[in-house]
Amino acid sequence: MPGVNTAPNRPRPCLSPSLNADLHCHSTVSDGTLEPEALAARAAANGVQLWALTDHDEIGGQQRARAAAQAHGMHYLTGVEISVTFADTTVHIVGLGFDETNPRLVQGLNDTRDGRGPRAREMAAALAQAGIEGAYEGALRHAGNPALISRTHFARFLVETGVCRDTPEVFRKYLTEGKPGYVPHRWARLGDAVHWITQAGGVAVIAHPARYKFNATEEYALFTEFKAHGGQAVEVVTGSHTPAEALRYAGMAHEFGLAASRGSDFHSPAESHIDLGRLAPLPPGLTPVWTLLSG
């Protein structure tokens, strides 16, 4: 494997479309349980050749991740996962290969993060009404970055205290719409997130589209608006997609003229559906997103 490109955001143009790329994972900088350096080591040990750290609404781990990737001989792309509100649903847009010093991107992410603290306190108050005390302080213990306290950190607290067996049970019983601890939040607009990424020189990607449970009309509207704003790719193979869903979104990539991305959405060895670098290959006939970013 050749060395990492000296340009920090771009892999070398010789990268193969079939390489082992994992372009979606999270560290302690957002809601993962491993430090960026430990993630890099795990990715490299699992044969990852092209890697991106995509923490939620936060790029504070990028320098550490890039240095660790370089130390392990992996190519690296800058990454982030931005929360947006679309059709009253939280949707995630991954950004890849951007300039992390871009002022508009930095400010947009700051504005997006600002809403998490008040939302977390509302969630804790709602859980207290359901008989679960101390949830804010408990969740905070699991948050490596207090500015990015999230539902995942509350879920870990509820598992730790024995309220639920695992994090999926927490979400089913407490943290999804209509349940006692759910608090909605208005995130960035779809167009804003796409523009922050593209104006910083990156590529915007719809993350794990099967997770949103849109009906066909809503999903078509998401892809249409995303494309109109300059979005260029969709995650086809992810830790939460079934093989049938991967084929479905391969078809959507073809229909909308989008490149295809691949990422485990790894958060923790104990919680994630699939390990870093252990994904199935992209279906044939697609344009891998990293070929848009080579050179």
Protein backbone atom coordinates (compact mmCIF):
# COMPACT_ATOMS: atom_id res chain seq x y z
CA MET A 1 0.00 0.00 0.00
CA PRO A 2 1.53 3.36 -0.95
CA GLY A 3 1.97 6.09 1.63
CA VAL A 4 -0.66 8.65 2.47
CA ASN A 5 -0.89 11.59 0.12
CA THR A 6 0.75 14.75 1.39
CA ALA A 7 -2.45 16.68 0.54
CA PRO A 8 -4.47 16.11 3.74
CA ASN A 9 -7.98 15.77 2.24
CA ARG A 10 -7.34 13.82 -0.97
CA PRO A 11 -6.26 10.22 -1.58
CA ARG A 12 -4.00 9.42 -4.51
CA PRO A 13 -5.72 9.08 -7.88
CA CYS A 14 -4.45 5.49 -8.24
CA LEU A 15 -6.81 4.22 -5.53
CA SER A 16 -8.87 1.28 -6.79
CA PRO A 17 -12.68 1.37 -6.88
CA SER A 18 -12.63 -1.97 -5.04
CA LEU A 19 -10.45 -0.94 -2.12
CA ASN A 20 -11.52 -1.52 1.48
CA ALA A 21 -12.91 1.93 2.36
CA ASP A 22 -14.67 2.68 5.64
CA LEU A 23 -15.99 6.24 5.46
CA HIS A 24 -18.34 6.44 8.44
CA CYS A 25 -17.41 5.96 12.10
CA HIS A 26 -17.42 7.82 15.40
CA SER A 27 -14.91 8.49 18.17
CA THR A 28 -15.12 9.86 21.71
CA VAL A 29 -15.13 13.32 20.13
CA SER A 30 -18.84 12.66 19.51
CA ASP A 31 -20.67 9.48 20.61
CA GLY A 32 -18.15 6.70 20.00
CA THR A 33 -16.33 4.87 22.79
CA LEU A 34 -12.83 4.77 21.26
CA GLU A 35 -10.34 7.59 20.81
CA PRO A 36 -9.46 8.54 17.21
CA GLU A 37 -6.08 6.81 17.54
CA ALA A 38 -7.67 3.57 18.72
CA LEU A 39 -10.17 3.70 15.85
CA ALA A 40 -7.34 4.12 13.36
CA ALA A 41 -5.47 1.16 14.81
CA ARG A 42 -8.60 -1.00 14.69
CA ALA A 43 -9.36 0.04 11.11
CA ALA A 44 -5.82 -0.72 9.97
CA ALA A 45 -5.82 -4.10 11.75
CA ASN A 46 -9.04 -4.95 9.85
CA GLY A 47 -7.50 -4.12 6.48
CA VAL A 48 -9.02 -0.68 5.88
CA GLN A 49 -7.14 1.16 3.13
CA LEU A 50 -9.13 4.41 3.00
CA TRP A 51 -10.62 5.78 6.20
CA ALA A 52 -12.63 8.76 7.44
CA LEU A 53 -13.63 9.75 10.95
CA THR A 54 -17.15 11.25 10.76
CA ASP A 55 -18.07 12.50 14.22
CA HIS A 56 -21.48 14.10 14.68
CA ASP A 57 -21.46 17.85 13.92
CA GLU A 58 -17.82 18.03 15.04
CA ILE A 59 -14.45 18.10 13.31
CA GLY A 60 -12.27 18.44 16.40
CA GLY A 61 -10.81 14.95 15.97
CA GLN A 62 -9.66 15.37 12.38
CA GLN A 63 -5.99 16.20 12.99
CA ARG A 64 -5.61 13.28 15.38
CA ALA A 65 -7.37 10.90 13.01
CA ARG A 66 -5.30 11.99 10.02
CA ALA A 67 -2.02 11.60 11.92
CA ALA A 68 -3.04 8.16 13.19
CA ALA A 69 -4.12 7.06 9.70
CA GLN A 70 -0.78 8.17 8.32
CA ALA A 71 1.07 6.27 11.05
CA HIS A 72 -0.79 3.09 10.05
CA GLY A 73 -0.29 3.59 6.30
CA MET A 74 -3.93 4.31 5.48
CA HIS A 75 -5.23 6.94 3.10
CA TYR A 76 -7.40 9.46 4.91
CA LEU A 77 -10.37 11.70 4.05
CA THR A 78 -11.68 14.41 6.35
CA GLY A 79 -15.17 13.56 7.52
CA VAL A 80 -18.19 14.74 9.49
CA GLU A 81 -21.81 13.66 9.95
CA ILE A 82 -24.22 16.60 10.08
CA SER A 83 -27.70 16.36 11.59
CA VAL A 84 -30.43 17.98 9.49
CA THR A 85 -34.20 18.17 9.74
CA PHE A 86 -36.11 17.04 6.66
CA ALA A 87 -39.86 16.30 6.59
CA ASP A 88 -39.90 16.55 10.41
CA THR A 89 -37.31 13.76 10.57
CA THR A 90 -33.67 13.87 11.62
CA VAL A 91 -31.54 12.92 8.62
CA HIS A 92 -27.75 12.63 8.59
CA ILE A 93 -25.53 14.01 5.85
CA VAL A 94 -21.92 12.85 5.77
CA GLY A 95 -19.27 15.22 4.41
CA LEU A 96 -16.03 13.83 2.98
CA GLY A 97 -12.79 15.35 1.71
CA PHE A 98 -13.46 18.94 2.75
CA ASP A 99 -11.20 21.68 4.11
CA GLU A 100 -11.82 21.54 7.85
CA THR A 101 -10.64 25.13 8.29
CA ASN A 102 -13.39 26.54 6.04
CA PRO A 103 -15.03 29.33 8.11
CA ARG A 104 -18.58 28.74 6.89
CA LEU A 105 -18.40 25.02 7.65
CA VAL A 106 -16.88 25.65 11.08
CA GLN A 107 -19.57 28.20 11.99
CA GLY A 108 -22.38 26.01 10.70
CA LEU A 109 -21.21 23.09 12.83
CA ASN A 110 -20.89 25.36 15.87
CA ASP A 111 -24.47 26.54 15.40
CA THR A 112 -25.71 22.96 15.03
CA ARG A 113 -23.97 21.82 18.21
CA ASP A 114 -25.40 24.68 20.27
CA GLY A 115 -28.82 23.04 20.43
CA ARG A 116 -27.65 19.79 22.00
CA GLY A 117 -27.20 21.02 25.60
CA PRO A 118 -30.72 22.39 26.10
CA ARG A 119 -32.19 19.33 24.37
CA ALA A 120 -30.26 17.02 26.71
CA ARG A 121 -31.64 18.77 29.78
CA GLU A 122 -35.17 18.46 28.38
CA MET A 123 -34.58 14.76 27.82
CA ALA A 124 -33.38 14.34 31.40
CA ALA A 125 -36.45 16.15 32.73
CA ALA A 126 -38.73 13.93 30.63
CA LEU A 127 -36.98 10.79 31.92
CA ALA A 128 -37.30 12.08 35.50
CA GLN A 129 -41.06 12.34 34.98
CA ALA A 130 -40.93 8.68 33.94
CA GLY A 131 -39.18 7.83 37.22
CA ILE A 132 -35.56 7.83 36.02
CA GLU A 133 -33.54 10.34 38.04
CA GLY A 134 -30.03 11.66 37.39
CA ALA A 135 -30.10 10.98 33.67
CA TYR A 136 -28.37 14.20 32.62
CA GLU A 137 -25.42 13.68 34.95
CA GLY A 138 -25.31 10.00 34.07
CA ALA A 139 -25.30 10.66 30.33
CA LEU A 140 -22.64 13.31 30.78
CA ARG A 141 -20.28 10.70 32.27
CA HIS A 142 -20.45 8.84 28.95
CA ALA A 143 -19.91 11.94 26.79
CA GLY A 144 -16.28 12.47 25.87
CA ASN A 145 -17.31 15.87 24.49
CA PRO A 146 -20.04 17.46 26.70
CA ALA A 147 -21.01 19.81 23.86
CA LEU A 148 -22.11 16.76 21.88
CA ILE A 149 -24.18 14.98 24.52
CA SER A 150 -26.74 12.87 22.66
CA ARG A 151 -29.38 10.17 22.92
CA THR A 152 -26.62 7.55 22.66
CA HIS A 153 -25.06 8.80 25.90
CA PHE A 154 -28.44 8.63 27.67
CA ALA A 155 -28.88 5.11 26.32
CA ARG A 156 -25.55 4.01 27.76
CA PHE A 157 -26.55 5.44 31.15
CA LEU A 158 -29.85 3.54 31.12
CA VAL A 159 -28.01 0.31 30.29
CA GLU A 160 -25.39 1.01 32.96
CA THR A 161 -28.08 1.46 35.62
CA GLY A 162 -30.01 -1.66 34.58
CA VAL A 163 -33.10 0.13 33.30
CA CYS A 164 -32.66 -1.66 29.96
CA ARG A 165 -30.60 -4.62 28.74
CA ASP A 166 -28.99 -2.85 25.79
CA THR A 167 -29.08 0.38 23.81
CA PRO A 168 -31.62 -0.85 21.21
CA GLU A 169 -34.07 -1.54 24.06
CA VAL A 170 -33.49 1.97 25.43
CA PHE A 171 -34.33 3.54 22.09
CA ARG A 172 -37.44 1.36 21.68
CA LYS A 173 -38.79 2.18 25.15
CA TYR A 174 -37.57 5.70 25.88
CA LEU A 175 -35.79 7.67 23.18
CA THR A 176 -37.86 7.50 19.98
CA GLU A 177 -40.86 9.60 19.05
CA GLY A 178 -43.82 9.03 21.34
CA LYS A 179 -41.70 7.53 24.15
CA PRO A 180 -41.08 9.15 27.59
CA GLY A 181 -37.54 10.51 26.97
CA TYR A 182 -37.90 11.68 23.37
CA VAL A 183 -37.35 15.37 22.70
CA PRO A 184 -37.39 16.59 19.08
CA HIS A 185 -34.79 19.05 17.85
CA ARG A 186 -34.67 21.32 14.85
CA TRP A 187 -31.31 20.75 13.22
CA ALA A 188 -29.73 22.46 10.21
CA ARG A 189 -31.63 22.58 6.94
CA LEU A 190 -30.67 20.04 4.29
CA GLY A 191 -29.51 22.69 1.84
CA ASP A 192 -27.36 24.41 4.46
CA ALA A 193 -25.50 21.22 5.38
CA VAL A 194 -24.87 20.30 1.74
CA HIS A 195 -23.63 23.81 0.97
CA TRP A 196 -21.28 23.88 3.98
CA ILE A 197 -19.67 20.68 2.76
CA THR A 198 -19.47 21.48 -0.94
CA GLN A 199 -18.28 25.05 -0.45
CA ALA A 200 -15.46 23.63 1.68
CA GLY A 201 -14.42 21.48 -1.29
CA GLY A 202 -16.00 18.24 -0.09
CA VAL A 203 -18.64 15.77 -1.21
CA ALA A 204 -22.00 15.48 0.57
CA VAL A 205 -23.41 11.98 1.14
CA ILE A 206 -26.85 10.83 2.36
CA ALA A 207 -26.04 8.57 5.32
CA HIS A 208 -27.77 5.17 5.85
CA PRO A 209 -30.99 6.10 3.99
CA ALA A 210 -32.89 2.95 4.97
CA ARG A 211 -32.94 4.08 8.60
CA TYR A 212 -35.31 7.01 8.03
CA LYS A 213 -38.46 4.95 7.34
CA PHE A 214 -39.73 7.48 4.82
CA ASN A 215 -42.52 6.45 2.51
CA ALA A 216 -41.70 6.37 -1.20
CA THR A 217 -42.82 9.96 -1.81
CA GLU A 218 -40.83 11.37 1.11
CA GLU A 219 -37.73 9.41 0.14
CA TYR A 220 -37.95 10.59 -3.46
CA ALA A 221 -38.29 14.17 -2.19
CA LEU A 222 -35.18 13.75 -0.01
CA PHE A 223 -33.07 12.48 -2.89
CA THR A 224 -34.42 15.10 -5.29
CA GLU A 225 -33.78 18.04 -2.95
CA PHE A 226 -30.38 16.67 -1.92
CA LYS A 227 -29.32 16.41 -5.55
CA ALA A 228 -30.68 19.91 -6.33
CA HIS A 229 -28.55 21.40 -3.54
CA GLY A 230 -25.38 19.79 -4.93
CA GLY A 231 -25.29 16.49 -3.05
CA GLN A 232 -23.25 13.90 -4.92
CA ALA A 233 -23.39 10.54 -3.13
CA VAL A 234 -25.38 8.10 -1.00
CA GLU A 235 -24.28 5.40 1.43
CA VAL A 236 -25.15 2.10 -0.22
CA VAL A 237 -23.28 -0.37 2.00
CA THR A 238 -23.51 0.48 5.70
CA GLY A 239 -23.56 -1.29 9.04
CA SER A 240 -27.36 -0.98 9.25
CA HIS A 241 -28.32 -1.89 5.66
CA THR A 242 -29.37 -5.41 4.75
CA PRO A 243 -28.08 -6.85 1.45
CA ALA A 244 -31.50 -6.13 -0.08
CA GLU A 245 -31.33 -2.51 1.09
CA ALA A 246 -27.84 -2.15 -0.37
CA LEU A 247 -29.21 -3.26 -3.75
CA ARG A 248 -32.16 -0.90 -3.39
CA TYR A 249 -29.93 2.11 -2.78
CA ALA A 250 -27.57 1.05 -5.52
CA GLY A 251 -30.60 1.46 -7.75
CA MET A 252 -31.33 4.87 -6.23
CA ALA A 253 -27.72 5.90 -6.86
CA HIS A 254 -28.14 4.99 -10.52
CA GLU A 255 -31.51 6.74 -10.80
CA PHE A 256 -30.26 10.01 -9.30
CA GLY A 257 -26.77 9.94 -10.75
CA LEU A 258 -25.11 9.69 -7.35
CA ALA A 259 -21.81 8.11 -6.36
CA ALA A 260 -21.87 5.31 -3.78
CA SER A 261 -20.27 5.36 -0.35
CA ARG A 262 -19.41 2.61 2.10
CA GLY A 263 -19.12 2.93 5.88
CA SER A 264 -19.68 0.82 8.97
CA ASP A 265 -21.10 3.60 11.20
CA PHE A 266 -18.94 2.01 13.90
CA HIS A 267 -19.41 3.46 17.41
CA SER A 268 -18.23 0.80 19.84
CA PRO A 269 -16.97 -2.78 19.91
CA ALA A 270 -19.90 -3.67 22.18
CA GLU A 271 -22.68 -1.82 20.34
CA SER A 272 -22.07 -1.70 16.61
CA HIS A 273 -23.72 -3.94 14.01
CA ILE A 274 -20.44 -4.49 12.18
CA ASP A 275 -16.76 -3.85 12.82
CA LEU A 276 -14.61 -1.32 10.99
CA GLY A 277 -13.58 -2.60 7.57
CA ARG A 278 -15.82 -5.70 7.66
CA LEU A 279 -18.41 -4.47 5.17
CA ALA A 280 -19.51 -6.18 1.98
CA PRO A 281 -18.12 -4.61 -1.22
CA LEU A 282 -20.13 -2.06 -3.16
CA PRO A 283 -22.46 -3.63 -5.74
CA PRO A 284 -20.92 -3.57 -9.25
CA GLY A 285 -21.54 -0.78 -11.70
CA LEU A 286 -21.49 2.08 -9.19
CA THR A 287 -19.16 5.09 -9.02
CA PRO A 288 -17.34 4.91 -5.64
CA VAL A 289 -17.45 8.24 -3.84
CA TRP A 290 -13.68 8.27 -3.34
CA THR A 291 -13.11 8.43 -7.10
CA LEU A 292 -14.74 11.88 -6.97
CA LEU A 293 -12.14 12.96 -4.45
CA SER A 294 -8.95 11.54 -5.97
CA GLY A 295 -6.32 13.74 -7.50
